[in-house]
Amino acid sequence: MARTPSTMLALGTRAPDFSLPDTEGGTVSLADLAGARGLLVAFICNHCPFVIHLREALAELGKEAQERGLQVVAISSNDVENYPQDSPALMAEEKVGAGYTFPYLYDETQEVAKAYEAACTPDFYLFDGDQRLVYRGQFDASRPGNDEPINGSDLRAAIDALLAGDGPAENQLPSLGCNIKWKAGNAPAYFG
């Protein structure tokens, strides 16, 4: 299994715009998510062992974040021609199976992943109420096979700090997961 780290987009970056189809046949845009206390964007996919490892905890954290006034959205940017298990139809099944209460969007062109400089699944981005980046990196220290608890401690701490009005933590660790499955010739310059 490939082990690709986050690129660690610069803190303070404004959330890049998007308008993407969801698993229910609608479209969700960044503007639809404005006005909340914060926004959590997670780049995930169906088949990645790193995502599967934390999917239940992610569903729980997402629900808790929504209850605390944050918007939450997940995006899959994988090449579904070569990775059909990540297709929109199977994303709809995964959303139900995982218990995700947040929109699960499909980035067919992979332009949204590039705008966020997403490199791996899972990759997490937390924005404040003005949609400025305050956290990017890992869910927690757990990885498949390392026996660390799956508790979302890093991301939870960032959400707690955001909601308390505290500034971003200085020590933010990159996520680690499978690389985004880029279409042939579509890998961005930051990847590699």
Foldseek 3Di string as FASTA:
>chain_A
DDKDWAPCPDFQDFQDWDWFAFLVGHIDIPVNQADWQKEKEWEAFDPWQQCVVQLLLVQVVQVVLVVVGHAYEYEYEAACVVVVCRDSNNVSVVCVVSNHPHTYGYDPLCVSCVVVSGWFPTWMFMAGNSRTTQAIAAQDPDGPPPPDDNNSVLVVVSSVCSVVVHGHDPDHHIYITHTGHDDVPGDDPSYD
